[in-house]
C-alpha cells in the first residue's frame, strides 16, 4: 500500500470517528490544540500526521490511539 492510499484511508477513518462523536473539525482542532485546516488536510489524505499529532487527535476525540486504527 502506498503512502497516499494509507493517508486517504486514515483520513476517512478520522472523519468517521468525528461524525460518530458529533465533533466538528473546528471543535476537534480546539480540543487537539491543532489548526482546523490541518485537521481537514489529514482527513483529505493530504498530510501525514506524526505520532504526537495522532495522540492529540485521539485525546481530542476522547478515544485511544488503538481505536483510531480499528478499521
C-alpha atoms as a PDB file:
ATOM      1  CA  UNK A   1       0.000   0.000   0.000  1.00  0.00           C
ATOM      2  CA  UNK A   2       1.464   3.349  -0.933  1.00  0.00           C
ATOM      3  CA  UNK A   3       1.711   6.392   1.336  1.00  0.00           C
ATOM      4  CA  UNK A   4      -1.105   8.318  -0.384  1.00  0.00           C
ATOM      5  CA  UNK A   5      -3.530   5.392  -0.077  1.00  0.00           C
ATOM      6  CA  UNK A   6      -2.736   4.990   3.612  1.00  0.00           C
ATOM      7  CA  UNK A   7      -3.272   8.713   4.194  1.00  0.00           C
ATOM      8  CA  UNK A   8      -6.630   8.646   2.400  1.00  0.00           C
ATOM      9  CA  UNK A   9      -7.838   5.578   4.313  1.00  0.00           C
ATOM     10  CA  UNK A  10      -6.818   7.105   7.632  1.00  0.00           C
ATOM     11  CA  UNK A  11      -8.491  10.407   6.704  1.00  0.00           C
ATOM     12  CA  UNK A  12     -11.738   8.584   6.005  1.00  0.00           C
ATOM     13  CA  UNK A  13     -11.447   6.827   9.369  1.00  0.00           C
ATOM     14  CA  UNK A  14     -10.832  10.106  11.174  1.00  0.00           C
ATOM     15  CA  UNK A  15     -13.873  11.684   9.509  1.00  0.00           C
ATOM     16  CA  UNK A  16     -15.990   8.659  10.537  1.00  0.00           C
ATOM     17  CA  UNK A  17     -14.845   8.997  14.139  1.00  0.00           C
ATOM     18  CA  UNK A  18     -15.611  12.720  14.183  1.00  0.00           C
ATOM     19  CA  UNK A  19     -19.101  12.001  12.879  1.00  0.00           C
ATOM     20  CA  UNK A  20     -19.632   9.210  15.420  1.00  0.00           C
ATOM     21  CA  UNK A  21     -18.737  11.514  18.297  1.00  0.00           C
ATOM     22  CA  UNK A  22     -20.502  14.517  16.709  1.00  0.00           C
ATOM     23  CA  UNK A  23     -17.399  16.727  16.689  1.00  0.00           C
ATOM     24  CA  UNK A  24     -16.766  19.351  14.007  1.00  0.00           C
ATOM     25  CA  UNK A  25     -13.328  19.921  12.516  1.00  0.00           C
ATOM     26  CA  UNK A  26     -13.158  23.195  14.401  1.00  0.00           C
ATOM     27  CA  UNK A  27     -14.069  21.573  17.739  1.00  0.00           C
ATOM     28  CA  UNK A  28     -11.561  18.782  17.187  1.00  0.00           C
ATOM     29  CA  UNK A  29      -8.864  21.306  16.314  1.00  0.00           C
ATOM     30  CA  UNK A  30      -9.521  23.212  19.548  1.00  0.00           C
ATOM     31  CA  UNK A  31      -9.597  20.071  21.679  1.00  0.00           C
ATOM     32  CA  UNK A  32      -6.461  18.729  19.979  1.00  0.00           C
ATOM     33  CA  UNK A  33      -4.595  22.054  20.028  1.00  0.00           C
ATOM     34  CA  UNK A  34      -4.176  21.865  16.245  1.00  0.00           C
ATOM     35  CA  UNK A  35      -5.132  24.106  13.344  1.00  0.00           C
ATOM     36  CA  UNK A  36      -8.539  23.428  11.780  1.00  0.00           C
ATOM     37  CA  UNK A  37      -7.099  23.445   8.272  1.00  0.00           C
ATOM     38  CA  UNK A  38      -4.561  20.820   9.341  1.00  0.00           C
ATOM     39  CA  UNK A  39      -7.415  18.570  10.522  1.00  0.00           C
ATOM     40  CA  UNK A  40      -9.017  18.984   7.089  1.00  0.00           C
ATOM     41  CA  UNK A  41      -5.708  18.236   5.354  1.00  0.00           C
ATOM     42  CA  UNK A  42      -5.390  14.986   7.315  1.00  0.00           C
ATOM     43  CA  UNK A  43      -8.986  13.979   6.524  1.00  0.00           C
ATOM     44  CA  UNK A  44      -8.391  14.554   2.807  1.00  0.00           C
ATOM     45  CA  UNK A  45      -5.220  12.456   2.917  1.00  0.00           C
ATOM     46  CA  UNK A  46      -3.017  15.436   2.093  1.00  0.00           C
ATOM     47  CA  UNK A  47      -0.942  15.334   5.295  1.00  0.00           C
ATOM     48  CA  UNK A  48       0.754  12.550   7.227  1.00  0.00           C
ATOM     49  CA  UNK A  49       0.330  13.213  10.962  1.00  0.00           C
ATOM     50  CA  UNK A  50       3.089  12.366  13.435  1.00  0.00           C
ATOM     51  CA  UNK A  51       2.520  10.055  16.382  1.00  0.00           C
ATOM     52  CA  UNK A  52       2.341  13.087  18.665  1.00  0.00           C
ATOM     53  CA  UNK A  53      -0.341  14.620  16.447  1.00  0.00           C
ATOM     54  CA  UNK A  54      -2.273  11.348  16.347  1.00  0.00           C
ATOM     55  CA  UNK A  55      -2.142  11.218  20.130  1.00  0.00           C
ATOM     56  CA  UNK A  56      -3.526  14.779  20.345  1.00  0.00           C
ATOM     57  CA  UNK A  57      -6.349  13.921  17.945  1.00  0.00           C
ATOM     58  CA  UNK A  58      -7.256  10.759  19.875  1.00  0.00           C
ATOM     59  CA  UNK A  59      -7.313  12.760  23.097  1.00  0.00           C
ATOM     60  CA  UNK A  60      -9.481  15.410  21.413  1.00  0.00           C
ATOM     61  CA  UNK A  61     -11.956  12.709  20.388  1.00  0.00           C
ATOM     62  CA  UNK A  62     -11.806  11.046  23.804  1.00  0.00           C
ATOM     63  CA  UNK A  63     -10.573   7.733  22.391  1.00  0.00           C
ATOM     64  CA  UNK A  64      -7.414   5.634  22.423  1.00  0.00           C
ATOM     65  CA  UNK A  65      -4.851   5.554  19.645  1.00  0.00           C
ATOM     66  CA  UNK A  66      -5.744   1.908  19.109  1.00  0.00           C
ATOM     67  CA  UNK A  67      -9.363   2.814  18.430  1.00  0.00           C
ATOM     68  CA  UNK A  68      -8.249   5.252  15.720  1.00  0.00           C
ATOM     69  CA  UNK A  69      -6.778   2.332  13.785  1.00  0.00           C
ATOM     70  CA  UNK A  70      -9.593  -0.211  14.301  1.00  0.00           C
ATOM     71  CA  UNK A  71     -10.879  -0.199  10.745  1.00  0.00           C
END
